[in-house]
Amino acid sequence: MTDHKPTRRDLMKPVQLLGLAFVAALFAGIVTLVSMGAFQARPADEIQRALVIGAIAAGVTFIVVLVSVALLLLAVDPAQVTKTVDRPLLLPKDDDTSAAPESPDGPEAPRG
C-alpha cells in the first residue's frame, strides 16, 4: 500500500460536502412532512401547506449544514491533518513526569 498523506481536499471533497448537506436536508424535509401528516388522508390545502413547510425546512437545513461544515473545515490546519497523533491530546506538550511530587518513601500504598 502506498504511503499517501491525505490533504484537506482529499478528506472532504466539495461533492461530499454537498452530499452531506443534501442528506441532512432530505431527512429534515421527510421528518417535517411526516410530522405534519402529509402522507395521511387530509384535505388538499393541508397537504399543500405541509409540502411548503417541508420544502422550507429542507432548504434551511441544507444551507445551515453546508455553511456549518464549511466553517468547521476552515478551522482545521492542513499541516495538522497530515501529522500522526501519538500522544493524548489533552496532556501538555512537555511530558514532564517530575512535576508530580512524590513522597520520599516512594508512591503511597493504597489504604484499606
PDB file of N, CA and C in Angstrom:
ATOM      1  N   MET A   1       0.848  -1.180   0.000  1.00  0.00           N
ATOM      2  CA  MET A   1       0.000   0.000   0.000  1.00  0.00           C
ATOM      3  C   MET A   1       0.891   1.240   0.000  1.00  0.00           C
ATOM      4  N   THR A   2       0.516   2.244  -0.724  1.00  0.00           N
ATOM      5  CA  THR A   2       1.320   3.456  -0.805  1.00  0.00           C
ATOM      6  C   THR A   2       1.125   4.309   0.435  1.00  0.00           C
ATOM      7  N   ASP A   3       2.138   5.105   0.730  1.00  0.00           N
ATOM      8  CA  ASP A   3       2.087   5.982   1.897  1.00  0.00           C
ATOM      9  C   ASP A   3       1.594   7.356   1.461  1.00  0.00           C
ATOM     10  N   HIS A   4       0.316   7.444   1.119  1.00  0.00           N
ATOM     11  CA  HIS A   4      -0.284   8.686   0.632  1.00  0.00           C
ATOM     12  C   HIS A   4      -0.825   9.478   1.812  1.00  0.00           C
ATOM     13  N   LYS A   5      -0.344  10.721   1.974  1.00  0.00           N
ATOM     14  CA  LYS A   5      -0.833  11.573   3.054  1.00  0.00           C
ATOM     15  C   LYS A   5      -2.002  12.401   2.525  1.00  0.00           C
ATOM     16  N   PRO A   6      -3.154  12.283   3.153  1.00  0.00           N
ATOM     17  CA  PRO A   6      -4.328  12.998   2.621  1.00  0.00           C
ATOM     18  C   PRO A   6      -4.240  14.505   2.878  1.00  0.00           C
ATOM     19  N   THR A   7      -4.724  15.261   1.928  1.00  0.00           N
ATOM     20  CA  THR A   7      -4.827  16.702   2.100  1.00  0.00           C
ATOM     21  C   THR A   7      -6.240  17.029   2.569  1.00  0.00           C
ATOM     22  N   ARG A   8      -6.457  18.284   2.858  1.00  0.00           N
ATOM     23  CA  ARG A   8      -7.799  18.692   3.285  1.00  0.00           C
ATOM     24  C   ARG A   8      -8.810  18.438   2.170  1.00  0.00           C
ATOM     25  N   ARG A   9      -8.383  18.654   0.936  1.00  0.00           N
ATOM     26  CA  ARG A   9      -9.279  18.427  -0.192  1.00  0.00           C
ATOM     27  C   ARG A   9      -9.640  16.951  -0.320  1.00  0.00           C
ATOM     28  N   ASP A  10      -8.670  16.059  -0.011  1.00  0.00           N
ATOM     29  CA  ASP A  10      -8.955  14.631  -0.046  1.00  0.00           C
ATOM     30  C   ASP A  10      -9.908  14.221   1.061  1.00  0.00           C
ATOM     31  N   LEU A  11      -9.783  14.870   2.214  1.00  0.00           N
ATOM     32  CA  LEU A  11     -10.618  14.494   3.352  1.00  0.00           C
ATOM     33  C   LEU A  11     -12.079  14.882   3.155  1.00  0.00           C
ATOM     34  N   MET A  12     -12.330  16.042   2.607  1.00  0.00           N
ATOM     35  CA  MET A  12     -13.717  16.474   2.418  1.00  0.00           C
ATOM     36  C   MET A  12     -13.823  17.175   1.069  1.00  0.00           C
ATOM     37  N   LYS A  13     -14.193  16.408   0.071  1.00  0.00           N
ATOM     38  CA  LYS A  13     -14.336  16.963  -1.261  1.00  0.00           C
ATOM     39  C   LYS A  13     -15.644  17.747  -1.333  1.00  0.00           C
ATOM     40  N   PRO A  14     -15.731  18.723  -2.239  1.00  0.00           N
ATOM     41  CA  PRO A  14     -16.963  19.518  -2.340  1.00  0.00           C
ATOM     42  C   PRO A  14     -18.207  18.681  -2.606  1.00  0.00           C
ATOM     43  N   VAL A  15     -18.065  17.610  -3.355  1.00  0.00           N
ATOM     44  CA  VAL A  15     -19.225  16.762  -3.638  1.00  0.00           C
ATOM     45  C   VAL A  15     -19.696  16.085  -2.352  1.00  0.00           C
ATOM     46  N   GLN A  16     -18.747  15.670  -1.511  1.00  0.00           N
ATOM     47  CA  GLN A  16     -19.116  15.055  -0.235  1.00  0.00           C
ATOM     48  C   GLN A  16     -19.783  16.072   0.677  1.00  0.00           C
ATOM     49  N   LEU A  17     -19.295  17.298   0.653  1.00  0.00           N
ATOM     50  CA  LEU A  17     -19.889  18.361   1.466  1.00  0.00           C
ATOM     51  C   LEU A  17     -21.326  18.631   1.029  1.00  0.00           C
ATOM     52  N   LEU A  18     -21.544  18.723  -0.268  1.00  0.00           N
ATOM     53  CA  LEU A  18     -22.899  18.925  -0.784  1.00  0.00           C
ATOM     54  C   LEU A  18     -23.784  17.708  -0.510  1.00  0.00           C
ATOM     55  N   GLY A  19     -23.211  16.518  -0.625  1.00  0.00           N
ATOM     56  CA  GLY A  19     -23.972  15.300  -0.351  1.00  0.00           C
ATOM     57  C   GLY A  19     -24.414  15.212   1.090  1.00  0.00           C
ATOM     58  N   LEU A  20     -23.522  15.553   2.007  1.00  0.00           N
ATOM     59  CA  LEU A  20     -23.871  15.553   3.429  1.00  0.00           C
ATOM     60  C   LEU A  20     -24.993  16.549   3.718  1.00  0.00           C
ATOM     61  N   ALA A  21     -24.888  17.746   3.159  1.00  0.00           N
ATOM     62  CA  ALA A  21     -25.927  18.756   3.352  1.00  0.00           C
ATOM     63  C   ALA A  21     -27.252  18.316   2.722  1.00  0.00           C
ATOM     64  N   PHE A  22     -27.181  17.662   1.561  1.00  0.00           N
ATOM     65  CA  PHE A  22     -28.401  17.200   0.898  1.00  0.00           C
ATOM     66  C   PHE A  22     -29.081  16.098   1.703  1.00  0.00           C
ATOM     67  N   VAL A  23     -28.305  15.172   2.248  1.00  0.00           N
ATOM     68  CA  VAL A  23     -28.891  14.090   3.051  1.00  0.00           C
ATOM     69  C   VAL A  23     -29.545  14.653   4.310  1.00  0.00           C
ATOM     70  N   ALA A  24     -28.894  15.608   4.950  1.00  0.00           N
ATOM     71  CA  ALA A  24     -29.479  16.227   6.143  1.00  0.00           C
ATOM     72  C   ALA A  24     -30.756  16.982   5.790  1.00  0.00           C
ATOM     73  N   ALA A  25     -30.764  17.673   4.654  1.00  0.00           N
ATOM     74  CA  ALA A  25     -31.964  18.403   4.217  1.00  0.00           C
ATOM     75  C   ALA A  25     -33.094  17.444   3.870  1.00  0.00           C
ATOM     76  N   LEU A  26     -32.754  16.346   3.226  1.00  0.00           N
ATOM     77  CA  LEU A  26     -33.763  15.346   2.891  1.00  0.00           C
ATOM     78  C   LEU A  26     -34.384  14.761   4.156  1.00  0.00           C
ATOM     79  N   PHE A  27     -33.543  14.469   5.131  1.00  0.00           N
ATOM     80  CA  PHE A  27     -34.040  13.945   6.405  1.00  0.00           C
ATOM     81  C   PHE A  27     -34.963  14.952   7.087  1.00  0.00           C
ATOM     82  N   ALA A  28     -34.546  16.214   7.136  1.00  0.00           N
ATOM     83  CA  ALA A  28     -35.375  17.237   7.786  1.00  0.00           C
ATOM     84  C   ALA A  28     -36.694  17.431   7.044  1.00  0.00           C
ATOM     85  N   GLY A  29     -36.659  17.394   5.714  1.00  0.00           N
ATOM     86  CA  GLY A  29     -37.886  17.546   4.938  1.00  0.00           C
ATOM     87  C   GLY A  29     -38.848  16.386   5.162  1.00  0.00           C
ATOM     88  N   ILE A  30     -38.331  15.165   5.175  1.00  0.00           N
ATOM     89  CA  ILE A  30     -39.196  13.997   5.385  1.00  0.00           C
ATOM     90  C   ILE A  30     -39.773  13.992   6.794  1.00  0.00           C
ATOM     91  N   VAL A  31     -38.969  14.334   7.783  1.00  0.00           N
ATOM     92  CA  VAL A  31     -39.471  14.391   9.162  1.00  0.00           C
ATOM     93  C   VAL A  31     -40.566  15.446   9.282  1.00  0.00           C
ATOM     94  N   THR A  32     -40.370  16.580   8.630  1.00  0.00           N
ATOM     95  CA  THR A  32     -41.388  17.629   8.668  1.00  0.00           C
ATOM     96  C   THR A  32     -42.676  17.176   7.987  1.00  0.00           C
ATOM     97  N   LEU A  33     -42.552  16.523   6.843  1.00  0.00           N
ATOM     98  CA  LEU A  33     -43.743  16.045   6.137  1.00  0.00           C
ATOM     99  C   LEU A  33     -44.494  14.990   6.945  1.00  0.00           C
ATOM    100  N   VAL A  34     -43.759  14.072   7.539  1.00  0.00           N
ATOM    101  CA  VAL A  34     -44.408  13.027   8.337  1.00  0.00           C
ATOM    102  C   VAL A  34     -45.073  13.630   9.571  1.00  0.00           C
ATOM    103  N   SER A  35     -44.403  14.564  10.214  1.00  0.00           N
ATOM    104  CA  SER A  35     -44.978  15.139  11.431  1.00  0.00           C
ATOM    105  C   SER A  35     -46.186  16.031  11.147  1.00  0.00           C
ATOM    106  N   MET A  36     -46.264  16.577   9.938  1.00  0.00           N
ATOM    107  CA  MET A  36     -47.418  17.402   9.587  1.00  0.00           C
ATOM    108  C   MET A  36     -48.538  16.593   8.940  1.00  0.00           C
ATOM    109  N   GLY A  37     -48.325  15.295   8.757  1.00  0.00           N
ATOM    110  CA  GLY A  37     -49.377  14.445   8.235  1.00  0.00           C
ATOM    111  C   GLY A  37     -49.580  14.540   6.746  1.00  0.00           C
ATOM    112  N   ALA A  38     -48.515  14.755   5.995  1.00  0.00           N
ATOM    113  CA  ALA A  38     -48.653  14.894   4.547  1.00  0.00           C
ATOM    114  C   ALA A  38     -48.976  13.567   3.869  1.00  0.00           C
ATOM    115  N   PHE A  39     -48.676  12.461   4.516  1.00  0.00           N
ATOM    116  CA  PHE A  39     -48.907  11.152   3.917  1.00  0.00           C
ATOM    117  C   PHE A  39     -50.187  10.496   4.430  1.00  0.00           C
ATOM    118  N   GLN A  40     -51.059  11.285   5.028  1.00  0.00           N
ATOM    119  CA  GLN A  40     -52.332  10.776   5.523  1.00  0.00           C
ATOM    120  C   GLN A  40     -53.458  11.331   4.655  1.00  0.00           C
ATOM    121  N   ALA A  41     -54.632  10.794   4.856  1.00  0.00           N
ATOM    122  CA  ALA A  41     -55.796  11.277   4.105  1.00  0.00           C
ATOM    123  C   ALA A  41     -56.266  12.583   4.743  1.00  0.00           C
ATOM    124  N   ARG A  42     -55.864  13.672   4.152  1.00  0.00           N
ATOM    125  CA  ARG A  42     -56.209  15.005   4.648  1.00  0.00           C
ATOM    126  C   ARG A  42     -56.683  15.851   3.483  1.00  0.00           C
ATOM    127  N   PRO A  43     -57.283  16.992   3.775  1.00  0.00           N
ATOM    128  CA  PRO A  43     -57.676  17.904   2.690  1.00  0.00           C
ATOM    129  C   PRO A  43     -56.450  18.402   1.913  1.00  0.00           C
ATOM    130  N   ALA A  44     -56.678  18.778   0.679  1.00  0.00           N
ATOM    131  CA  ALA A  44     -55.583  19.173  -0.213  1.00  0.00           C
ATOM    132  C   ALA A  44     -54.830  20.397   0.296  1.00  0.00           C
ATOM    133  N   ASP A  45     -55.548  21.342   0.922  1.00  0.00           N
ATOM    134  CA  ASP A  45     -54.854  22.541   1.392  1.00  0.00           C
ATOM    135  C   ASP A  45     -53.897  22.230   2.546  1.00  0.00           C
ATOM    136  N   GLU A  46     -54.225  21.268   3.391  1.00  0.00           N
ATOM    137  CA  GLU A  46     -53.318  20.885   4.476  1.00  0.00           C
ATOM    138  C   GLU A  46     -52.086  20.163   3.938  1.00  0.00           C
ATOM    139  N   ILE A  47     -52.281  19.329   2.920  1.00  0.00           N
ATOM    140  CA  ILE A  47     -51.144  18.629   2.313  1.00  0.00           C
ATOM    141  C   ILE A  47     -50.236  19.625   1.589  1.00  0.00           C
ATOM    142  N   GLN A  48     -50.849  20.604   0.927  1.00  0.00           N
ATOM    143  CA  GLN A  48     -50.053  21.621   0.247  1.00  0.00           C
ATOM    144  C   GLN A  48     -49.257  22.451   1.251  1.00  0.00           C
ATOM    145  N   ARG A  49     -49.868  22.805   2.364  1.00  0.00           N
ATOM    146  CA  ARG A  49     -49.181  23.551   3.407  1.00  0.00           C
ATOM    147  C   ARG A  49     -48.019  22.736   3.985  1.00  0.00           C
ATOM    148  N   ALA A  50     -48.244  21.423   4.166  1.00  0.00           N
ATOM    149  CA  ALA A  50     -47.187  20.558   4.679  1.00  0.00           C
ATOM    150  C   ALA A  50     -46.022  20.468   3.688  1.00  0.00           C
ATOM    151  N   LEU A  51     -46.327  20.406   2.385  1.00  0.00           N
ATOM    152  CA  LEU A  51     -45.268  20.357   1.384  1.00  0.00           C
ATOM    153  C   LEU A  51     -44.440  21.640   1.367  1.00  0.00           C
ATOM    154  N   VAL A  52     -45.121  22.784   1.493  1.00  0.00           N
ATOM    155  CA  VAL A  52     -44.406  24.061   1.500  1.00  0.00           C
ATOM    156  C   VAL A  52     -43.510  24.169   2.729  1.00  0.00           C
ATOM    157  N   ILE A  53     -44.037  23.821   3.884  1.00  0.00           N
ATOM    158  CA  ILE A  53     -43.237  23.915   5.109  1.00  0.00           C
ATOM    159  C   ILE A  53     -42.106  22.881   5.101  1.00  0.00           C
ATOM    160  N   GLY A  54     -42.358  21.704   4.546  1.00  0.00           N
ATOM    161  CA  GLY A  54     -41.299  20.704   4.413  1.00  0.00           C
ATOM    162  C   GLY A  54     -40.180  21.179   3.499  1.00  0.00           C
ATOM    163  N   ALA A  55     -40.542  21.837   2.400  1.00  0.00           N
ATOM    164  CA  ALA A  55     -39.531  22.381   1.486  1.00  0.00           C
ATOM    165  C   ALA A  55     -38.732  23.500   2.144  1.00  0.00           C
ATOM    166  N   ILE A  56     -39.405  24.327   2.921  1.00  0.00           N
ATOM    167  CA  ILE A  56     -38.701  25.395   3.637  1.00  0.00           C
ATOM    168  C   ILE A  56     -37.740  24.800   4.670  1.00  0.00           C
ATOM    169  N   ALA A  57     -38.195  23.797   5.413  1.00  0.00           N
ATOM    170  CA  ALA A  57     -37.342  23.160   6.415  1.00  0.00           C
ATOM    171  C   ALA A  57     -36.138  22.492   5.749  1.00  0.00           C
ATOM    172  N   ALA A  58     -36.363  21.848   4.606  1.00  0.00           N
ATOM    173  CA  ALA A  58     -35.260  21.201   3.898  1.00  0.00           C
ATOM    174  C   ALA A  58     -34.264  22.232   3.375  1.00  0.00           C
ATOM    175  N   GLY A  59     -34.750  23.331   2.850  1.00  0.00           N
ATOM    176  CA  GLY A  59     -33.860  24.378   2.345  1.00  0.00           C
ATOM    177  C   GLY A  59     -33.039  25.028   3.430  1.00  0.00           C
ATOM    178  N   VAL A  60     -33.671  25.328   4.536  1.00  0.00           N
ATOM    179  CA  VAL A  60     -32.947  25.940   5.652  1.00  0.00           C
ATOM    180  C   VAL A  60     -31.904  24.968   6.205  1.00  0.00           C
ATOM    181  N   THR A  61     -32.273  23.704   6.321  1.00  0.00           N
ATOM    182  CA  THR A  61     -31.329  22.703   6.829  1.00  0.00           C
ATOM    183  C   THR A  61     -30.157  22.542   5.874  1.00  0.00           C
ATOM    184  N   PHE A  62     -30.409  22.530   4.571  1.00  0.00           N
ATOM    185  CA  PHE A  62     -29.341  22.417   3.589  1.00  0.00           C
ATOM    186  C   PHE A  62     -28.335  23.548   3.741  1.00  0.00           C
ATOM    187  N   ILE A  63     -28.830  24.765   3.839  1.00  0.00           N
ATOM    188  CA  ILE A  63     -27.944  25.925   3.941  1.00  0.00           C
ATOM    189  C   ILE A  63     -27.178  25.920   5.260  1.00  0.00           C
ATOM    190  N   VAL A  64     -27.857  25.621   6.354  1.00  0.00           N
ATOM    191  CA  VAL A  64     -27.202  25.635   7.667  1.00  0.00           C
ATOM    192  C   VAL A  64     -26.119  24.565   7.751  1.00  0.00           C
ATOM    193  N   VAL A  65     -26.405  23.361   7.282  1.00  0.00           N
ATOM    194  CA  VAL A  65     -25.403  22.289   7.330  1.00  0.00           C
ATOM    195  C   VAL A  65     -24.234  22.614   6.409  1.00  0.00           C
ATOM    196  N   LEU A  66     -24.504  23.122   5.232  1.00  0.00           N
ATOM    197  CA  LEU A  66     -23.450  23.464   4.284  1.00  0.00           C
ATOM    198  C   LEU A  66     -22.515  24.523   4.853  1.00  0.00           C
ATOM    199  N   VAL A  67     -23.066  25.584   5.404  1.00  0.00           N
ATOM    200  CA  VAL A  67     -22.244  26.661   5.962  1.00  0.00           C
ATOM    201  C   VAL A  67     -21.512  26.187   7.222  1.00  0.00           C
ATOM    202  N   SER A  68     -22.174  25.409   8.070  1.00  0.00           N
ATOM    203  CA  SER A  68     -21.540  24.943   9.307  1.00  0.00           C
ATOM    204  C   SER A  68     -20.356  24.021   9.039  1.00  0.00           C
ATOM    205  N   VAL A  69     -20.541  23.063   8.154  1.00  0.00           N
ATOM    206  CA  VAL A  69     -19.441  22.139   7.865  1.00  0.00           C
ATOM    207  C   VAL A  69     -18.308  22.862   7.142  1.00  0.00           C
ATOM    208  N   ALA A  70     -18.636  23.803   6.270  1.00  0.00           N
ATOM    209  CA  ALA A  70     -17.592  24.563   5.588  1.00  0.00           C
ATOM    210  C   ALA A  70     -16.787  25.400   6.581  1.00  0.00           C
ATOM    211  N   LEU A  71     -17.454  26.006   7.544  1.00  0.00           N
ATOM    212  CA  LEU A  71     -16.734  26.777   8.551  1.00  0.00           C
ATOM    213  C   LEU A  71     -15.905  25.884   9.461  1.00  0.00           C
ATOM    214  N   LEU A  72     -16.411  24.703   9.781  1.00  0.00           N
ATOM    215  CA  LEU A  72     -15.621  23.773  10.590  1.00  0.00           C
ATOM    216  C   LEU A  72     -14.391  23.285   9.831  1.00  0.00           C
ATOM    217  N   LEU A  73     -14.499  23.123   8.521  1.00  0.00           N
ATOM    218  CA  LEU A  73     -13.336  22.721   7.732  1.00  0.00           C
ATOM    219  C   LEU A  73     -12.282  23.817   7.676  1.00  0.00           C
ATOM    220  N   LEU A  74     -12.714  25.062   7.734  1.00  0.00           N
ATOM    221  CA  LEU A  74     -11.752  26.159   7.744  1.00  0.00           C
ATOM    222  C   LEU A  74     -10.960  26.214   9.048  1.00  0.00           C
ATOM    223  N   ALA A  75     -11.499  25.647  10.101  1.00  0.00           N
ATOM    224  CA  ALA A  75     -10.810  25.671  11.392  1.00  0.00           C
ATOM    225  C   ALA A  75      -9.688  24.649  11.470  1.00  0.00           C
ATOM    226  N   VAL A  76      -9.645  23.709  10.525  1.00  0.00           N
ATOM    227  CA  VAL A  76      -8.617  22.672  10.532  1.00  0.00           C
ATOM    228  C   VAL A  76      -7.384  23.187   9.804  1.00  0.00           C
ATOM    229  N   ASP A  77      -6.239  23.085  10.465  1.00  0.00           N
ATOM    230  CA  ASP A  77      -4.982  23.470   9.849  1.00  0.00           C
ATOM    231  C   ASP A  77      -4.521  22.336   8.942  1.00  0.00           C
ATOM    232  N   PRO A  78      -4.301  22.582   7.647  1.00  0.00           N
ATOM    233  CA  PRO A  78      -3.913  21.486   6.752  1.00  0.00           C
ATOM    234  C   PRO A  78      -2.612  20.812   7.167  1.00  0.00           C
ATOM    235  N   ALA A  79      -1.717  21.536   7.801  1.00  0.00           N
ATOM    236  CA  ALA A  79      -0.468  20.919   8.248  1.00  0.00           C
ATOM    237  C   ALA A  79      -0.714  19.933   9.386  1.00  0.00           C
ATOM    238  N   GLN A  80      -1.745  20.167  10.188  1.00  0.00           N
ATOM    239  CA  GLN A  80      -2.051  19.277  11.300  1.00  0.00           C
ATOM    240  C   GLN A  80      -2.755  18.004  10.838  1.00  0.00           C
ATOM    241  N   VAL A  81      -3.366  18.036   9.664  1.00  0.00           N
ATOM    242  CA  VAL A  81      -4.096  16.874   9.174  1.00  0.00           C
ATOM    243  C   VAL A  81      -3.137  15.739   8.845  1.00  0.00           C
ATOM    244  N   THR A  82      -1.968  16.072   8.305  1.00  0.00           N
ATOM    245  CA  THR A  82      -1.033  15.039   7.878  1.00  0.00           C
ATOM    246  C   THR A  82      -0.190  14.485   9.020  1.00  0.00           C
ATOM    247  N   LYS A  83      -0.164  15.152  10.165  1.00  0.00           N
ATOM    248  CA  LYS A  83       0.632  14.671  11.290  1.00  0.00           C
ATOM    249  C   LYS A  83      -0.067  13.506  11.983  1.00  0.00           C
ATOM    250  N   THR A  84       0.736  12.588  12.469  1.00  0.00           N
ATOM    251  CA  THR A  84       0.170  11.498  13.257  1.00  0.00           C
ATOM    252  C   THR A  84       0.133  11.902  14.714  1.00  0.00           C
ATOM    253  N   VAL A  85      -0.892  11.467  15.398  1.00  0.00           N
ATOM    254  CA  VAL A  85      -1.043  11.795  16.807  1.00  0.00           C
ATOM    255  C   VAL A  85      -0.625  10.572  17.601  1.00  0.00           C
ATOM    256  N   ASP A  86       0.433  10.727  18.390  1.00  0.00           N
ATOM    257  CA  ASP A  86       0.938   9.593  19.141  1.00  0.00           C
ATOM    258  C   ASP A  86       0.924   9.837  20.648  1.00  0.00           C
ATOM    259  N   ARG A  87       0.145  10.814  21.065  1.00  0.00           N
ATOM    260  CA  ARG A  87       0.006  11.090  22.492  1.00  0.00           C
ATOM    261  C   ARG A  87      -1.407  11.582  22.752  1.00  0.00           C
ATOM    262  N   PRO A  88      -1.863  11.513  23.996  1.00  0.00           N
ATOM    263  CA  PRO A  88      -3.193  12.042  24.305  1.00  0.00           C
ATOM    264  C   PRO A  88      -3.256  13.540  24.021  1.00  0.00           C
ATOM    265  N   LEU A  89      -4.368  13.979  23.503  1.00  0.00           N
ATOM    266  CA  LEU A  89      -4.494  15.370  23.073  1.00  0.00           C
ATOM    267  C   LEU A  89      -4.617  16.352  24.224  1.00  0.00           C
ATOM    268  N   LEU A  90      -5.149  15.936  25.358  1.00  0.00           N
ATOM    269  CA  LEU A  90      -5.408  16.874  26.438  1.00  0.00           C
ATOM    270  C   LEU A  90      -4.230  17.038  27.389  1.00  0.00           C
ATOM    271  N   LEU A  91      -3.177  16.263  27.220  1.00  0.00           N
ATOM    272  CA  LEU A  91      -1.998  16.410  28.063  1.00  0.00           C
ATOM    273  C   LEU A  91      -1.145  17.545  27.542  1.00  0.00           C
ATOM    274  N   PRO A  92      -0.365  18.179  28.433  1.00  0.00           N
ATOM    275  CA  PRO A  92       0.526  19.242  27.956  1.00  0.00           C
ATOM    276  C   PRO A  92       1.585  18.674  27.012  1.00  0.00           C
ATOM    277  N   LYS A  93       2.173  19.547  26.187  1.00  0.00           N
ATOM    278  CA  LYS A  93       3.130  19.084  25.184  1.00  0.00           C
ATOM    279  C   LYS A  93       4.395  18.521  25.809  1.00  0.00           C
ATOM    280  N   ASP A  94       4.841  19.076  26.918  1.00  0.00           N
ATOM    281  CA  ASP A  94       6.025  18.514  27.581  1.00  0.00           C
ATOM    282  C   ASP A  94       5.563  17.414  28.534  1.00  0.00           C
ATOM    283  N   ASP A  95       6.051  16.231  28.306  1.00  0.00           N
ATOM    284  CA  ASP A  95       5.655  15.091  29.130  1.00  0.00           C
ATOM    285  C   ASP A  95       6.567  15.012  30.350  1.00  0.00           C
ATOM    286  N   ASP A  96       6.582  16.063  31.143  1.00  0.00           N
ATOM    287  CA  ASP A  96       7.443  16.140  32.310  1.00  0.00           C
ATOM    288  C   ASP A  96       6.769  15.415  33.467  1.00  0.00           C
ATOM    289  N   THR A  97       7.260  14.225  33.783  1.00  0.00           N
ATOM    290  CA  THR A  97       6.668  13.439  34.866  1.00  0.00           C
ATOM    291  C   THR A  97       7.234  13.827  36.211  1.00  0.00           C
ATOM    292  N   SER A  98       8.285  14.654  36.218  1.00  0.00           N
ATOM    293  CA  SER A  98       8.869  15.042  37.500  1.00  0.00           C
ATOM    294  C   SER A  98       8.083  16.166  38.157  1.00  0.00           C
ATOM    295  N   ALA A  99       7.054  16.669  37.500  1.00  0.00           N
ATOM    296  CA  ALA A  99       6.263  17.757  38.076  1.00  0.00           C
ATOM    297  C   ALA A  99       5.418  17.277  39.241  1.00  0.00           C
ATOM    298  N   ALA A 100       5.073  15.990  39.250  1.00  0.00           N
ATOM    299  CA  ALA A 100       4.258  15.455  40.332  1.00  0.00           C
ATOM    300  C   ALA A 100       5.172  15.083  41.501  1.00  0.00           C
ATOM    301  N   PRO A 101       5.004  15.737  42.668  1.00  0.00           N
ATOM    302  CA  PRO A 101       5.884  15.411  43.804  1.00  0.00           C
ATOM    303  C   PRO A 101       5.538  14.043  44.379  1.00  0.00           C
ATOM    304  N   GLU A 102       6.574  13.309  44.686  1.00  0.00           N
ATOM    305  CA  GLU A 102       6.386  12.011  45.314  1.00  0.00           C
ATOM    306  C   GLU A 102       6.917  12.084  46.736  1.00  0.00           C
ATOM    307  N   SER A 103       6.411  11.230  47.570  1.00  0.00           N
ATOM    308  CA  SER A 103       6.908  11.188  48.944  1.00  0.00           C
ATOM    309  C   SER A 103       8.289  10.532  48.937  1.00  0.00           C
ATOM    310  N   PRO A 104       9.104  10.797  49.945  1.00  0.00           N
ATOM    311  CA  PRO A 104      10.454  10.217  49.965  1.00  0.00           C
ATOM    312  C   PRO A 104      10.434   8.688  50.043  1.00  0.00           C
ATOM    313  N   ASP A 105       9.337   8.107  50.512  1.00  0.00           N
ATOM    314  CA  ASP A 105       9.258   6.657  50.631  1.00  0.00           C
ATOM    315  C   ASP A 105       8.785   6.005  49.336  1.00  0.00           C
ATOM    316  N   GLY A 106       8.526   6.766  48.310  1.00  0.00           N
ATOM    317  CA  GLY A 106       8.017   6.221  47.058  1.00  0.00           C
ATOM    318  C   GLY A 106       6.513   6.451  46.984  1.00  0.00           C
ATOM    319  N   PRO A 107       5.884   5.852  46.029  1.00  0.00           N
ATOM    320  CA  PRO A 107       4.432   6.032  45.915  1.00  0.00           C
ATOM    321  C   PRO A 107       3.711   5.438  47.110  1.00  0.00           C
ATOM    322  N   GLU A 108       2.644   6.119  47.466  1.00  0.00           N
ATOM    323  CA  GLU A 108       1.896   5.663  48.636  1.00  0.00           C
ATOM    324  C   GLU A 108       1.134   4.384  48.316  1.00  0.00           C
ATOM    325  N   ALA A 109       1.068   3.519  49.318  1.00  0.00           N
ATOM    326  CA  ALA A 109       0.307   2.293  49.175  1.00  0.00           C
ATOM    327  C   ALA A 109      -1.150   2.593  49.430  1.00  0.00           C
ATOM    328  N   PRO A 110      -2.044   1.918  48.743  1.00  0.00           N
ATOM    329  CA  PRO A 110      -3.467   2.171  48.986  1.00  0.00           C
ATOM    330  C   PRO A 110      -3.858   1.768  50.407  1.00  0.00           C
ATOM    331  N   ARG A 111      -4.662   2.604  50.998  1.00  0.00           N
ATOM    332  CA  ARG A 111      -5.124   2.298  52.366  1.00  0.00           C
ATOM    333  C   ARG A 111      -6.359   1.422  52.287  1.00  0.00           C
ATOM    334  N   GLY A 112      -6.408   0.501  53.169  1.00  0.00           N
ATOM    335  CA  GLY A 112      -7.565  -0.363  53.055  1.00  0.00           C
ATOM    336  C   GLY A 112      -8.001  -0.966  54.279  1.00  0.00           C
TER     337      GLY A 112
END
